[in-house]
Amino acid sequence: MTMAENTAADQARRNTGIVLTAMRELFGEKDLTALDRYWAEPYVQHSPRMAGGLDTLRAVVPGLEGFAWEPQRTAAQGDLVFTHSVVHGWAPDPVVIVDIFRLDNGRIVEHWDVVQELVPSGETVSGHPMV
């Protein structure tokens, strides 16, 4: 492995750890101070149902009832971290979410997501689980 590849792999591991810790502290523990540690403004939000900026997260998180974020797999490339998760409490029924986070200097500064209704594996056309 070259020095550049080693550095990129180290960055990917660090960024993945930051995202997993940030999401656990903010959404799992409802610790709003996590925003000060792991996110930075300007926070660009690409989700169609949320405005940008950290004040949106400050307003939304306390009201989430029964919320559970269960990451099943992660991947990272450059300044991006991808998570594939089962989420409870975001919608009336469980959903599968692919989140994409962009980090800058170890802080989350941008977010995209793709949300799908969770269909049990016995009910999918392929018979395979979604996650």
Foldseek 3Di string as FASTA:
>chain_A
DDPVVVVFVVLFVLLVVLVVVLCCCCQVVVPLCSCVVAADPPAAEPEPVFHTDSVRSVVPRVPQPPWDWAWDDWDDGRQKIWTWTWIPRPDPAIKTKIKIFGDDPRHTRYIDMDIGHFDALCPDPVSDGPD
